[in-house]
PDB file of N, CA and C in Angstrom:
ATOM      1  N   MET A   1     156.401 143.691  63.762  1.00  0.00           N
ATOM      2  CA  MET A   1     156.050 144.221  62.783  1.00  0.00           C
ATOM      3  C   MET A   1     154.934 145.179  62.791  1.00  0.00           C
ATOM      4  N   ARG A   2     155.052 146.232  62.311  1.00  0.00           N
ATOM      5  CA  ARG A   2     153.865 147.414  62.406  1.00  0.00           C
ATOM      6  C   ARG A   2     153.443 148.001  61.364  1.00  0.00           C
ATOM      7  N   THR A   3     153.793 147.522  60.053  1.00  0.00           N
ATOM      8  CA  THR A   3     153.196 147.889  58.784  1.00  0.00           C
ATOM      9  C   THR A   3     153.037 146.768  58.029  1.00  0.00           C
ATOM     10  N   ILE A   4     152.188 146.780  57.333  1.00  0.00           N
ATOM     11  CA  ILE A   4     151.950 145.873  56.154  1.00  0.00           C
ATOM     12  C   ILE A   4     151.853 146.607  54.781  1.00  0.00           C
ATOM     13  N   ASN A   5     152.448 146.094  53.818  1.00  0.00           N
ATOM     14  CA  ASN A   5     152.552 147.038  52.530  1.00  0.00           C
ATOM     15  C   ASN A   5     151.319 146.395  51.594  1.00  0.00           C
ATOM     16  N   ILE A   6     150.713 147.325  51.202  1.00  0.00           N
ATOM     17  CA  ILE A   6     149.328 147.029  50.532  1.00  0.00           C
ATOM     18  C   ILE A   6     149.194 147.872  49.400  1.00  0.00           C
ATOM     19  N   ASP A   7     150.420 148.476  48.874  1.00  0.00           N
ATOM     20  CA  ASP A   7     150.318 149.237  47.833  1.00  0.00           C
ATOM     21  C   ASP A   7     149.908 148.333  46.647  1.00  0.00           C
ATOM     22  N   GLY A   8     149.098 149.117  45.941  1.00  0.00           N
ATOM     23  CA  GLY A   8     148.381 148.403  44.271  1.00  0.00           C
ATOM     24  C   GLY A   8     147.369 147.558  44.823  1.00  0.00           C
ATOM     25  N   PHE A   9     146.869 147.421  46.251  1.00  0.00           N
ATOM     26  CA  PHE A   9     145.616 146.614  46.582  1.00  0.00           C
ATOM     27  C   PHE A   9     144.251 147.642  46.031  1.00  0.00           C
ATOM     28  N   PRO A  10     143.486 147.074  45.524  1.00  0.00           N
ATOM     29  CA  PRO A  10     142.262 147.972  45.266  1.00  0.00           C
ATOM     30  C   PRO A  10     141.553 148.338  46.767  1.00  0.00           C
ATOM     31  N   GLU A  11     141.171 149.270  46.715  1.00  0.00           N
ATOM     32  CA  GLU A  11     140.408 149.957  48.148  1.00  0.00           C
ATOM     33  C   GLU A  11     139.896 148.982  48.916  1.00  0.00           C
ATOM     34  N   PRO A  12     138.690 148.465  48.308  1.00  0.00           N
ATOM     35  CA  PRO A  12     137.973 147.253  49.099  1.00  0.00           C
ATOM     36  C   PRO A  12     138.879 146.239  49.997  1.00  0.00           C
ATOM     37  N   TYR A  13     139.989 145.958  48.934  1.00  0.00           N
ATOM     38  CA  TYR A  13     140.732 144.821  49.508  1.00  0.00           C
ATOM     39  C   TYR A  13     141.504 145.343  50.743  1.00  0.00           C
ATOM     40  N   ALA A  14     142.005 146.641  50.611  1.00  0.00           N
ATOM     41  CA  ALA A  14     142.839 147.137  51.718  1.00  0.00           C
ATOM     42  C   ALA A  14     141.747 147.544  52.890  1.00  0.00           C
ATOM     43  N   ARG A  15     140.353 147.713  52.595  1.00  0.00           N
ATOM     44  CA  ARG A  15     139.549 148.034  53.877  1.00  0.00           C
ATOM     45  C   ARG A  15     139.583 146.655  54.591  1.00  0.00           C
ATOM     46  N   ALA A  16     139.398 145.497  53.664  1.00  0.00           N
ATOM     47  CA  ALA A  16     139.031 144.290  54.258  1.00  0.00           C
ATOM     48  C   ALA A  16     140.364 143.904  55.000  1.00  0.00           C
ATOM     49  N   VAL A  17     141.438 144.156  54.727  1.00  0.00           N
ATOM     50  CA  VAL A  17     142.627 143.863  55.376  1.00  0.00           C
ATOM     51  C   VAL A  17     142.732 144.599  56.849  1.00  0.00           C
ATOM     52  N   GLU A  18     142.528 145.870  56.658  1.00  0.00           N
ATOM     53  CA  GLU A  18     142.219 146.713  57.997  1.00  0.00           C
ATOM     54  C   GLU A  18     141.206 146.056  58.883  1.00  0.00           C
ATOM     55  N   ARG A  19     140.329 145.627  58.381  1.00  0.00           N
ATOM     56  CA  ARG A  19     139.126 145.254  59.459  1.00  0.00           C
ATOM     57  C   ARG A  19     139.404 143.682  59.648  1.00  0.00           C
ATOM     58  N   MET A  20     140.102 143.247  58.957  1.00  0.00           N
ATOM     59  CA  MET A  20     140.772 141.620  59.354  1.00  0.00           C
ATOM     60  C   MET A  20     141.770 141.846  60.874  1.00  0.00           C
ATOM     61  N   VAL A  21     142.460 142.906  60.311  1.00  0.00           N
ATOM     62  CA  VAL A  21     143.684 142.997  61.497  1.00  0.00           C
ATOM     63  C   VAL A  21     143.003 143.532  62.872  1.00  0.00           C
ATOM     64  N   GLU A  22     141.903 144.578  62.642  1.00  0.00           N
ATOM     65  CA  GLU A  22     141.216 144.997  63.874  1.00  0.00           C
ATOM     66  C   GLU A  22     140.426 143.665  64.498  1.00  0.00           C
ATOM     67  N   SER A  23     139.945 142.934  63.868  1.00  0.00           N
ATOM     68  CA  SER A  23     139.211 141.902  64.365  1.00  0.00           C
ATOM     69  C   SER A  23     140.326 140.990  65.095  1.00  0.00           C
ATOM     70  N   LEU A  24     141.544 140.747  64.522  1.00  0.00           N
ATOM     71  CA  LEU A  24     142.609 139.867  65.198  1.00  0.00           C
ATOM     72  C   LEU A  24     142.780 140.421  66.449  1.00  0.00           C
ATOM     73  N   ARG A  25     143.086 141.787  66.360  1.00  0.00           N
ATOM     74  CA  ARG A  25     143.206 142.636  67.584  1.00  0.00           C
ATOM     75  C   ARG A  25     142.152 142.254  68.669  1.00  0.00           C
ATOM     76  N   GLN A  26     140.919 142.499  68.705  1.00  0.00           N
ATOM     77  CA  GLN A  26     140.244 142.409  69.456  1.00  0.00           C
ATOM     78  C   GLN A  26     140.069 140.814  70.131  1.00  0.00           C
ATOM     79  N   GLN A  27     140.399 139.833  69.073  1.00  0.00           N
ATOM     80  CA  GLN A  27     140.530 138.593  69.693  1.00  0.00           C
ATOM     81  C   GLN A  27     141.568 138.198  70.796  1.00  0.00           C
ATOM     82  N   LEU A  28     142.776 138.837  70.121  1.00  0.00           N
ATOM     83  CA  LEU A  28     143.823 138.670  71.137  1.00  0.00           C
ATOM     84  C   LEU A  28     143.696 139.411  72.389  1.00  0.00           C
ATOM     85  N   LYS A  29     142.962 140.505  72.737  1.00  0.00           N
ATOM     86  CA  LYS A  29     142.448 140.876  73.879  1.00  0.00           C
ATOM     87  C   LYS A  29     141.481 140.432  74.439  1.00  0.00           C
ATOM     88  N   ALA A  30     140.622 139.940  73.981  1.00  0.00           N
ATOM     89  CA  ALA A  30     139.416 139.315  74.717  1.00  0.00           C
ATOM     90  C   ALA A  30     140.012 138.191  75.494  1.00  0.00           C
ATOM     91  N   LYS A  31     139.438 137.839  76.743  1.00  0.00           N
ATOM     92  CA  LYS A  31     139.963 136.787  77.488  1.00  0.00           C
ATOM     93  C   LYS A  31     139.419 135.239  77.041  1.00  0.00           C
ATOM     94  N   PRO A  32     140.074 134.322  77.155  1.00  0.00           N
ATOM     95  CA  PRO A  32     139.410 133.134  76.328  1.00  0.00           C
ATOM     96  C   PRO A  32     138.565 132.482  77.075  1.00  0.00           C
ATOM     97  N   LYS A  33     137.428 132.017  76.482  1.00  0.00           N
ATOM     98  CA  LYS A  33     136.154 131.418  76.810  1.00  0.00           C
ATOM     99  C   LYS A  33     136.517 130.239  77.320  1.00  0.00           C
ATOM    100  N   THR A  34     136.004 129.863  78.248  1.00  0.00           N
ATOM    101  CA  THR A  34     136.043 128.364  79.175  1.00  0.00           C
ATOM    102  C   THR A  34     134.767 127.692  78.543  1.00  0.00           C
ATOM    103  N   ARG A  35     134.952 126.645  78.329  1.00  0.00           N
ATOM    104  CA  ARG A  35     134.030 125.703  77.811  1.00  0.00           C
ATOM    105  C   ARG A  35     133.551 125.058  78.687  1.00  0.00           C
ATOM    106  N   LYS A  36     132.171 124.649  78.921  1.00  0.00           N
ATOM    107  CA  LYS A  36     131.845 123.436  80.011  1.00  0.00           C
ATOM    108  C   LYS A  36     131.883 122.198  79.454  1.00  0.00           C
ATOM    109  N   ARG A  37     132.118 121.238  79.999  1.00  0.00           N
ATOM    110  CA  ARG A  37     132.192 120.029  79.572  1.00  0.00           C
ATOM    111  C   ARG A  37     130.665 119.554  79.479  1.00  0.00           C
ATOM    112  N   VAL A  38     130.706 118.683  78.728  1.00  0.00           N
ATOM    113  CA  VAL A  38     129.206 118.209  78.263  1.00  0.00           C
ATOM    114  C   VAL A  38     129.168 116.745  78.693  1.00  0.00           C
ATOM    115  N   ARG A  39     128.186 116.424  79.303  1.00  0.00           N
ATOM    116  CA  ARG A  39     127.956 115.044  79.630  1.00  0.00           C
ATOM    117  C   ARG A  39     127.323 114.180  78.823  1.00  0.00           C
ATOM    118  N   LEU A  40     127.548 113.529  78.207  1.00  0.00           N
ATOM    119  CA  LEU A  40     126.909 112.353  77.203  1.00  0.00           C
ATOM    120  C   LEU A  40     125.999 111.410  77.624  1.00  0.00           C
ATOM    121  N   PRO A  41     124.965 111.180  76.913  1.00  0.00           N
ATOM    122  CA  PRO A  41     124.248 110.198  77.591  1.00  0.00           C
ATOM    123  C   PRO A  41     124.901 108.772  77.536  1.00  0.00           C
ATOM    124  N   VAL A  42     124.905 108.030  78.510  1.00  0.00           N
ATOM    125  CA  VAL A  42     125.343 106.416  78.379  1.00  0.00           C
ATOM    126  C   VAL A  42     124.357 105.384  78.576  1.00  0.00           C
ATOM    127  N   ARG A  43     124.372 104.642  77.854  1.00  0.00           N
ATOM    128  CA  ARG A  43     123.302 103.404  77.663  1.00  0.00           C
ATOM    129  C   ARG A  43     123.932 102.038  77.986  1.00  0.00           C
ATOM    130  N   HIS A  44     123.871 101.376  78.847  1.00  0.00           N
ATOM    131  CA  HIS A  44     124.428 100.117  79.373  1.00  0.00           C
ATOM    132  C   HIS A  44     123.779  99.149  78.881  1.00  0.00           C
ATOM    133  N   GLY A  45     124.755  98.207  77.949  1.00  0.00           N
ATOM    134  CA  GLY A  45     124.303  97.072  77.579  1.00  0.00           C
ATOM    135  C   GLY A  45     125.439  95.876  77.142  1.00  0.00           C
ATOM    136  N   LYS A  46     125.207  95.250  76.152  1.00  0.00           N
ATOM    137  CA  LYS A  46     126.245  94.374  75.915  1.00  0.00           C
ATOM    138  C   LYS A  46     126.611  94.379  74.649  1.00  0.00           C
ATOM    139  N   VAL A  47     127.830  93.805  74.174  1.00  0.00           N
ATOM    140  CA  VAL A  47     128.196  93.844  72.689  1.00  0.00           C
ATOM    141  C   VAL A  47     127.863  92.458  72.293  1.00  0.00           C
ATOM    142  N   LEU A  48     127.095  92.704  71.285  1.00  0.00           N
ATOM    143  CA  LEU A  48     126.609  91.502  70.465  1.00  0.00           C
ATOM    144  C   LEU A  48     127.511  91.047  69.340  1.00  0.00           C
ATOM    145  N   VAL A  49     128.315  91.866  68.663  1.00  0.00           N
ATOM    146  CA  VAL A  49     129.022  91.579  67.722  1.00  0.00           C
ATOM    147  C   VAL A  49     130.142  92.581  67.679  1.00  0.00           C
ATOM    148  N   GLU A  50     131.117  92.390  67.169  1.00  0.00           N
ATOM    149  CA  GLU A  50     132.388  93.649  67.210  1.00  0.00           C
ATOM    150  C   GLU A  50     132.123  94.152  65.747  1.00  0.00           C
ATOM    151  N   LEU A  51     132.217  95.406  65.591  1.00  0.00           N
ATOM    152  CA  LEU A  51     132.298  95.850  64.165  1.00  0.00           C
ATOM    153  C   LEU A  51     133.634  96.666  63.717  1.00  0.00           C
ATOM    154  N   THR A  52     133.933  96.469  62.523  1.00  0.00           N
ATOM    155  CA  THR A  52     135.372  97.288  62.260  1.00  0.00           C
ATOM    156  C   THR A  52     134.644  98.694  61.657  1.00  0.00           C
ATOM    157  N   ARG A  53     135.570  99.532  61.592  1.00  0.00           N
ATOM    158  CA  ARG A  53     135.440 100.812  60.826  1.00  0.00           C
ATOM    159  C   ARG A  53     134.782 100.626  59.795  1.00  0.00           C
ATOM    160  N   GLU A  54     134.995  99.907  58.925  1.00  0.00           N
ATOM    161  CA  GLU A  54     135.092  99.843  57.524  1.00  0.00           C
ATOM    162  C   GLU A  54     133.537  99.348  57.636  1.00  0.00           C
ATOM    163  N   GLU A  55     133.263  98.263  58.363  1.00  0.00           N
ATOM    164  CA  GLU A  55     131.672  98.134  58.533  1.00  0.00           C
ATOM    165  C   GLU A  55     130.640  99.180  59.184  1.00  0.00           C
ATOM    166  N   ILE A  56     131.268  99.942  60.057  1.00  0.00           N
ATOM    167  CA  ILE A  56     130.488 100.977  60.512  1.00  0.00           C
ATOM    168  C   ILE A  56     130.094 101.999  59.386  1.00  0.00           C
ATOM    169  N   TYR A  57     131.173 102.368  58.616  1.00  0.00           N
ATOM    170  CA  TYR A  57     130.776 103.483  57.461  1.00  0.00           C
ATOM    171  C   TYR A  57     130.864 102.874  55.990  1.00  0.00           C
ATOM    172  N   ARG A  58     130.266 101.814  55.938  1.00  0.00           N
ATOM    173  CA  ARG A  58     130.495 100.924  54.823  1.00  0.00           C
ATOM    174  C   ARG A  58     129.188 101.681  53.928  1.00  0.00           C
ATOM    175  N   ASP A  59     128.173 102.212  54.566  1.00  0.00           N
ATOM    176  CA  ASP A  59     127.054 102.790  53.603  1.00  0.00           C
ATOM    177  C   ASP A  59     126.965 104.347  53.597  1.00  0.00           C
ATOM    178  N   VAL A  60     128.308 104.825  53.689  1.00  0.00           N
ATOM    179  CA  VAL A  60     128.291 106.341  53.803  1.00  0.00           C
ATOM    180  C   VAL A  60     128.286 106.762  52.315  1.00  0.00           C
ATOM    181  N   GLY A  61     128.823 106.035  51.344  1.00  0.00           N
ATOM    182  CA  GLY A  61     128.861 106.646  49.907  1.00  0.00           C
ATOM    183  C   GLY A  61     127.280 106.148  49.384  1.00  0.00           C
ATOM    184  N   ARG A  62     126.480 105.535  50.166  1.00  0.00           N
ATOM    185  CA  ARG A  62     125.318 105.248  49.480  1.00  0.00           C
ATOM    186  C   ARG A  62     124.191 106.352  50.053  1.00  0.00           C
ATOM    187  N   MET A  63     124.519 107.196  51.006  1.00  0.00           N
ATOM    188  CA  MET A  63     123.427 108.119  51.742  1.00  0.00           C
ATOM    189  C   MET A  63     122.825 109.000  50.704  1.00  0.00           C
ATOM    190  N   GLY A  64     121.595 108.926  50.747  1.00  0.00           N
ATOM    191  CA  GLY A  64     120.752 110.042  49.919  1.00  0.00           C
ATOM    192  C   GLY A  64     120.527 109.685  48.616  1.00  0.00           C
ATOM    193  N   THR A  65     120.800 108.237  48.469  1.00  0.00           N
ATOM    194  CA  THR A  65     120.573 107.675  47.108  1.00  0.00           C
ATOM    195  C   THR A  65     119.547 106.554  46.936  1.00  0.00           C
ATOM    196  N   ASP A  66     118.844 106.650  48.303  1.00  0.00           N
ATOM    197  CA  ASP A  66     117.671 105.766  48.338  1.00  0.00           C
ATOM    198  C   ASP A  66     116.468 106.136  47.565  1.00  0.00           C
TER     199      ASP A  66
END
């Protein structure tokens, strides 16, 4: 596909489409960035009680109302 019909678009919208297409072209030309793996901190210990997901997130609805 080589053309996109933007007849009837206001000029600012047509320019925005043009910029977006150019941005996509540049992204496709760029080499993919490799991400370094992040080492997360680990703390050794023992489980005192097992929690369900519901118990862990129970207070989410109450955040910021204290």
